Amino acid sequence: MFRAPLFGAGRPDGYRPARMSRTPLSSPESEAPEGGGWRARMWRIVFLADTPAGRAFDLVLLWAILASVLVVMLDSVEPLREEWGRWFIALEWAFTILFTIEYALRLWCSKRPTAYATSFFGVVDLLAVLPNYLSLFLGGSHYMATVRILRLMRIFRILKMIHHVNEANVLLHALLASRRKIFVFMTSVLALVCVEGSLMYVIEHSEGSRFESIPASIYWAIVTVTTVGYGDIVPATVAGKMLASFIMLTGFAILAVPTGIVAAEIGREVMVRKAATSLARLCGACGHQGHEPEAQHCNRCGARL
């Protein structure tokens, strides 16, 4: 029985659907080391969560991250630091040594250590251990250990919530696609607040005024146009209040621009992914493509997909 080849090749009308380029999503963490042995076993435990040992490793690591961040936060409270300071320091160094061993273990069992070290999670893992070592030279830098909270993003993999990761990728790609438009927008806003701040300085500058310089006036313009309104600097003259009112009203419109840019890119990204999913769903009986993701039967021949 004749079966039409995939992608419509050999059709009488000569139609050949356009192929969409699809770059496989891979990361250094998803590449197993060559061969077997302890290195491969340790890689599966450290980087994957598909085994009881790997899941237990990640869960213990997540609890250790939460505990370490809590210790750093409590250490910043003066009364607690005076009473429990030595315990906090000991715990912080214990967690730091633990995370240092874990980071070295990841480098050792990774197939491409350099690629892992320069990846997002590799950089975050490194930042999780650096603050305490830097505190030996820069006092107070150990409080930056709260960056370890970013490592909790691995919980999506552990709890099999990969659909949340895909949704995060949609948002990330939308932000990257709109970066040039947002850059132009931010440049325009920066120029606008410079003009508004300078004008307010000309209007309000006087003896004892808080508008003591153009940079201070630009700071006020940024606080006003973003509708934050700290209230530490306020105009006193009628002309200054009128200008401030105008800036406040235009601030609402200005804030809506980046939201619209990102929303449009998110919609475009969703459509592209939906089209890619439909293109990938081909009928094995007639070769027809373009089915909806929820479709269970071919809309041309009725065969089950």
Protein backbone atom coordinates (compact mmCIF):
# COMPACT_ATOMS: atom_id res chain seq x y z
CA MET A 1 0.00 0.00 0.00
CA PHE A 2 1.30 3.43 -0.94
CA ARG A 3 2.33 5.59 1.98
CA ALA A 4 3.16 9.23 1.44
CA PRO A 5 6.68 10.08 2.58
CA LEU A 6 7.14 12.38 5.50
CA PHE A 7 7.24 16.17 5.16
CA GLY A 8 5.22 15.96 1.94
CA ALA A 9 8.11 14.88 -0.32
CA GLY A 10 6.92 13.65 -3.70
CA ARG A 11 3.48 15.23 -3.50
CA PRO A 12 1.97 16.05 -6.91
CA ASP A 13 1.60 19.73 -6.12
CA GLY A 14 5.25 19.97 -5.22
CA TYR A 15 4.44 21.33 -1.77
CA ARG A 16 7.23 21.03 0.75
CA PRO A 17 6.64 22.60 4.17
CA ALA A 18 9.31 24.78 5.62
CA ARG A 19 11.45 23.15 8.22
CA MET A 20 11.93 25.03 11.44
CA SER A 21 15.38 24.91 12.93
CA ARG A 22 15.34 23.39 16.34
CA THR A 23 18.47 23.59 18.40
CA PRO A 24 18.67 20.78 20.91
CA LEU A 25 18.72 21.97 24.49
CA SER A 26 21.84 20.58 26.11
CA SER A 27 23.95 21.61 29.03
CA PRO A 28 27.23 20.44 30.54
CA GLU A 29 25.24 18.86 33.38
CA SER A 30 23.32 16.61 30.96
CA GLU A 31 26.43 15.07 29.36
CA ALA A 32 27.61 11.86 30.97
CA PRO A 33 31.38 11.19 31.16
CA GLU A 34 32.72 8.56 28.80
CA GLY A 35 33.15 5.05 30.07
CA GLY A 36 31.89 3.67 33.33
CA GLY A 37 33.38 3.37 36.77
CA TRP A 38 33.09 5.60 39.80
CA ARG A 39 33.18 8.81 37.81
CA ALA A 40 30.08 7.89 35.79
CA ARG A 41 28.27 6.64 38.90
CA MET A 42 29.10 9.79 40.79
CA TRP A 43 27.97 11.93 37.82
CA ARG A 44 24.56 10.24 37.87
CA ILE A 45 24.21 10.87 41.60
CA VAL A 46 25.45 14.48 41.52
CA PHE A 47 23.86 15.76 38.31
CA LEU A 48 20.75 13.60 37.92
CA ALA A 49 17.79 12.82 40.13
CA ASP A 50 16.56 9.65 38.43
CA THR A 51 17.96 7.32 41.10
CA PRO A 52 17.23 7.08 44.84
CA ALA A 53 20.82 8.07 45.61
CA GLY A 54 20.70 11.06 43.23
CA ARG A 55 17.37 12.24 44.61
CA ALA A 56 18.59 11.89 48.19
CA PHE A 57 21.78 13.80 47.33
CA ASP A 58 19.83 16.71 45.85
CA LEU A 59 17.30 16.84 48.68
CA VAL A 60 20.05 16.91 51.32
CA LEU A 61 21.81 19.60 49.30
CA LEU A 62 18.66 21.73 49.11
CA TRP A 63 18.11 21.51 52.86
CA ALA A 64 21.75 22.44 53.41
CA ILE A 65 21.32 25.47 51.13
CA LEU A 66 18.24 26.62 53.05
CA ALA A 67 19.99 26.13 56.38
CA SER A 68 23.11 28.02 55.25
CA VAL A 69 21.07 30.97 53.98
CA LEU A 70 19.11 31.05 57.25
CA VAL A 71 22.34 31.10 59.26
CA VAL A 72 23.70 34.02 57.22
CA MET A 73 20.48 35.97 57.71
CA LEU A 74 20.41 35.33 61.47
CA ASP A 75 24.05 36.37 61.71
CA SER A 76 23.10 39.82 60.42
CA VAL A 77 20.79 40.39 63.42
CA GLU A 78 22.88 42.25 66.02
CA PRO A 79 21.41 40.74 69.24
CA LEU A 80 21.65 37.20 67.84
CA ARG A 81 25.19 37.78 66.59
CA GLU A 82 26.32 38.97 70.01
CA GLU A 83 24.97 35.83 71.67
CA TRP A 84 25.48 33.18 69.01
CA GLY A 85 28.20 34.72 66.85
CA ARG A 86 30.73 31.91 67.31
CA TRP A 87 28.17 29.27 66.42
CA PHE A 88 27.12 31.19 63.34
CA ILE A 89 30.74 31.48 62.15
CA ALA A 90 31.35 27.78 62.74
CA LEU A 91 28.19 26.81 60.85
CA GLU A 92 28.97 29.17 57.97
CA TRP A 93 32.41 27.65 57.54
CA ALA A 94 31.00 24.12 57.82
CA PHE A 95 28.53 24.85 55.03
CA THR A 96 31.25 26.53 52.97
CA ILE A 97 33.54 23.50 53.24
CA LEU A 98 30.62 21.22 52.36
CA PHE A 99 29.74 23.24 49.26
CA THR A 100 33.42 23.46 48.28
CA ILE A 101 33.71 19.67 48.32
CA GLU A 102 30.46 19.41 46.34
CA TYR A 103 31.71 21.94 43.75
CA ALA A 104 35.01 20.07 43.34
CA LEU A 105 33.06 16.83 42.97
CA ARG A 106 30.97 18.35 40.19
CA LEU A 107 34.09 19.49 38.38
CA TRP A 108 35.69 16.06 38.72
CA CYS A 109 32.79 13.99 37.42
CA SER A 110 31.71 16.44 34.69
CA LYS A 111 32.53 15.47 31.11
CA ARG A 112 33.48 19.09 30.31
CA PRO A 113 34.63 20.76 33.53
CA THR A 114 35.33 24.10 31.87
CA ALA A 115 31.90 24.19 30.24
CA TYR A 116 30.24 23.38 33.55
CA ALA A 117 32.29 25.99 35.44
CA THR A 118 31.24 28.71 32.98
CA SER A 119 27.57 27.65 32.79
CA PHE A 120 24.86 29.41 34.80
CA PHE A 121 24.68 26.81 37.54
CA GLY A 122 28.45 26.44 37.56
CA VAL A 123 28.89 30.15 38.23
CA VAL A 124 26.18 30.07 40.91
CA ASP A 125 27.84 27.06 42.56
CA LEU A 126 31.14 28.93 42.61
CA LEU A 127 29.56 32.07 44.04
CA ALA A 128 28.08 29.92 46.80
CA VAL A 129 31.53 29.18 48.22
CA LEU A 130 33.46 32.38 47.46
CA PRO A 131 31.95 34.85 50.01
CA ASN A 132 33.36 33.16 53.09
CA TYR A 133 36.82 32.93 51.57
CA LEU A 134 36.64 36.58 50.54
CA SER A 135 35.66 37.51 54.10
CA LEU A 136 39.23 36.65 55.11
CA PHE A 137 40.30 39.75 53.16
CA LEU A 138 37.09 41.82 52.94
CA GLY A 139 35.12 42.09 56.14
CA GLY A 140 31.37 41.54 55.82
CA SER A 141 31.52 39.91 52.40
CA HIS A 142 30.35 36.61 53.90
CA TYR A 143 26.81 38.04 53.98
CA MET A 144 26.78 37.70 50.19
CA ALA A 145 26.53 33.95 50.76
CA THR A 146 22.78 34.45 50.46
CA VAL A 147 23.38 34.06 46.71
CA ARG A 148 23.16 30.34 47.48
CA ILE A 149 19.40 30.72 47.35
CA LEU A 150 19.71 30.69 43.54
CA ARG A 151 20.76 27.08 43.75
CA LEU A 152 17.23 26.18 44.78
CA MET A 153 16.30 26.46 41.10
CA ARG A 154 17.41 22.85 40.82
CA ILE A 155 14.24 21.89 42.67
CA PHE A 156 12.39 22.01 39.31
CA ARG A 157 14.50 19.11 38.10
CA ILE A 158 14.25 17.15 41.34
CA LEU A 159 10.46 17.40 41.57
CA LYS A 160 10.02 16.62 37.85
CA MET A 161 8.53 20.06 37.21
CA ILE A 162 10.14 20.41 33.79
CA HIS A 163 7.09 22.22 32.41
CA HIS A 164 7.92 25.10 34.74
CA VAL A 165 11.41 25.21 33.25
CA ASN A 166 9.91 25.36 29.75
CA GLU A 167 7.70 28.26 30.80
CA ALA A 168 10.75 30.00 32.25
CA ASN A 169 12.52 29.49 28.91
CA VAL A 170 9.65 31.22 27.13
CA LEU A 171 10.03 34.24 29.40
CA LEU A 172 13.83 34.22 29.05
CA HIS A 173 13.71 34.06 25.26
CA ALA A 174 11.12 36.85 25.20
CA LEU A 175 13.36 39.06 27.34
CA LEU A 176 16.37 38.34 25.13
CA ALA A 177 14.37 39.07 21.99
CA SER A 178 13.18 42.42 23.35
CA ARG A 179 16.55 43.53 24.75
CA ARG A 180 17.29 45.95 21.89
CA LYS A 181 13.89 47.61 22.14
CA ILE A 182 14.22 47.88 25.90
CA PHE A 183 17.72 49.32 25.51
CA VAL A 184 16.38 52.02 23.18
CA PHE A 185 13.54 52.67 25.60
CA MET A 186 15.85 52.93 28.62
CA THR A 187 18.20 55.25 26.72
CA SER A 188 15.27 57.51 25.84
CA VAL A 189 14.05 57.55 29.45
CA LEU A 190 17.55 58.36 30.68
CA ALA A 191 17.76 61.31 28.30
CA LEU A 192 14.28 62.44 29.38
CA VAL A 193 15.04 62.41 33.11
CA CYS A 194 18.29 64.28 32.47
CA VAL A 195 16.32 67.07 30.76
CA GLU A 196 13.59 67.06 33.40
CA GLY A 197 16.10 67.04 36.25
CA SER A 198 18.06 69.91 34.75
CA LEU A 199 14.87 71.91 34.22
CA MET A 200 13.78 71.29 37.80
CA TYR A 201 17.21 72.42 39.02
CA VAL A 202 16.80 75.70 37.12
CA ILE A 203 13.32 76.20 38.61
CA GLU A 204 13.92 75.11 42.19
CA HIS A 205 17.58 75.92 42.84
CA SER A 206 17.88 78.39 45.67
CA GLU A 207 19.53 78.78 49.04
CA GLY A 208 18.62 75.83 51.26
CA SER A 209 16.82 73.95 48.50
CA ARG A 210 17.21 70.16 48.29
CA PHE A 211 17.67 70.57 44.53
CA GLU A 212 21.29 71.45 45.24
CA SER A 213 22.77 70.07 42.00
CA ILE A 214 21.77 68.64 38.64
CA PRO A 215 22.63 65.04 39.68
CA ALA A 216 20.40 65.43 42.76
CA SER A 217 17.62 66.79 40.53
CA ILE A 218 18.05 63.88 38.11
CA TYR A 219 17.76 61.50 41.07
CA TRP A 220 14.48 63.22 41.98
CA ALA A 221 13.27 62.92 38.36
CA ILE A 222 14.02 59.17 38.31
CA VAL A 223 12.20 58.62 41.61
CA THR A 224 9.23 60.63 40.33
CA VAL A 225 8.94 59.21 36.81
CA THR A 226 9.02 55.65 38.19
CA THR A 227 6.18 56.60 40.58
CA VAL A 228 8.29 55.54 43.59
CA GLY A 229 8.08 58.92 45.31
CA TYR A 230 10.37 58.74 48.34
CA GLY A 231 9.49 62.29 49.30
CA ASP A 232 13.01 63.19 50.44
CA ILE A 233 13.16 65.95 47.81
CA VAL A 234 10.04 67.93 46.97
CA PRO A 235 9.48 71.09 44.86
CA ALA A 236 8.42 74.27 46.64
CA THR A 237 7.56 76.67 43.82
CA VAL A 238 4.38 76.68 41.73
CA ALA A 239 6.33 76.07 38.52
CA GLY A 240 8.19 73.18 40.14
CA LYS A 241 4.98 71.57 41.33
CA MET A 242 3.46 71.89 37.86
CA LEU A 243 6.49 70.22 36.30
CA ALA A 244 6.40 67.51 38.96
CA SER A 245 2.71 66.87 38.21
CA PHE A 246 3.46 66.51 34.51
CA ILE A 247 6.30 64.06 35.20
CA MET A 248 4.07 62.01 37.51
CA LEU A 249 1.32 61.72 34.90
CA THR A 250 3.72 60.77 32.10
CA GLY A 251 5.31 58.20 34.41
CA PHE A 252 2.29 55.90 34.08
CA ALA A 253 2.58 55.87 30.29
CA ILE A 254 6.33 55.34 30.44
CA LEU A 255 6.02 52.31 32.71
CA ALA A 256 3.56 50.67 30.32
CA VAL A 257 6.01 50.63 27.39
CA PRO A 258 8.42 47.86 28.53
CA THR A 259 5.46 45.77 29.69
CA GLY A 260 3.94 45.94 26.20
CA ILE A 261 7.27 45.12 24.55
CA VAL A 262 7.84 42.01 26.67
CA ALA A 263 4.19 40.90 26.38
CA ALA A 264 4.37 41.09 22.57
CA GLU A 265 7.58 39.02 22.54
CA ILE A 266 6.06 36.45 24.89
CA GLY A 267 3.07 36.09 22.55
CA ARG A 268 5.39 35.68 19.57
CA GLU A 269 7.49 33.09 21.43
CA VAL A 270 4.40 31.10 22.38
CA MET A 271 3.20 31.09 18.76
CA VAL A 272 6.60 29.93 17.50
CA ARG A 273 6.69 27.08 20.01
CA LYS A 274 3.13 26.10 19.15
CA ALA A 275 3.98 26.08 15.45
CA ALA A 276 7.08 23.99 16.12
CA THR A 277 5.00 21.50 18.10
CA SER A 278 2.40 21.29 15.34
CA LEU A 279 5.08 20.80 12.69
CA ALA A 280 6.58 17.96 14.68
CA ARG A 281 3.24 16.14 14.84
CA LEU A 282 3.00 14.23 11.57
CA CYS A 283 0.47 11.61 10.61
CA GLY A 284 2.20 8.30 9.98
CA ALA A 285 -0.52 7.22 7.58
CA CYS A 286 -0.79 10.15 5.15
CA GLY A 287 2.14 12.40 6.12
CA HIS A 288 -0.08 15.37 6.91
CA GLN A 289 1.31 17.82 9.43
CA GLY A 290 0.16 20.88 11.35
CA HIS A 291 -1.97 19.13 13.96
CA GLU A 292 -2.91 20.81 17.20
CA PRO A 293 -0.94 19.67 20.28
CA GLU A 294 -4.14 18.22 21.80
CA ALA A 295 -5.24 16.39 18.63
CA GLN A 296 -5.45 12.59 18.86
CA HIS A 297 -6.43 11.85 15.25
CA CYS A 298 -5.31 13.17 11.88
CA ASN A 299 -7.61 15.90 10.57
CA ARG A 300 -7.14 14.61 6.99
CA CYS A 301 -7.35 10.81 7.08
CA GLY A 302 -8.60 10.20 10.62
CA ALA A 303 -5.72 7.91 11.60
CA ARG A 304 -4.64 7.94 15.23
CA LEU A 305 -1.59 10.11 15.85
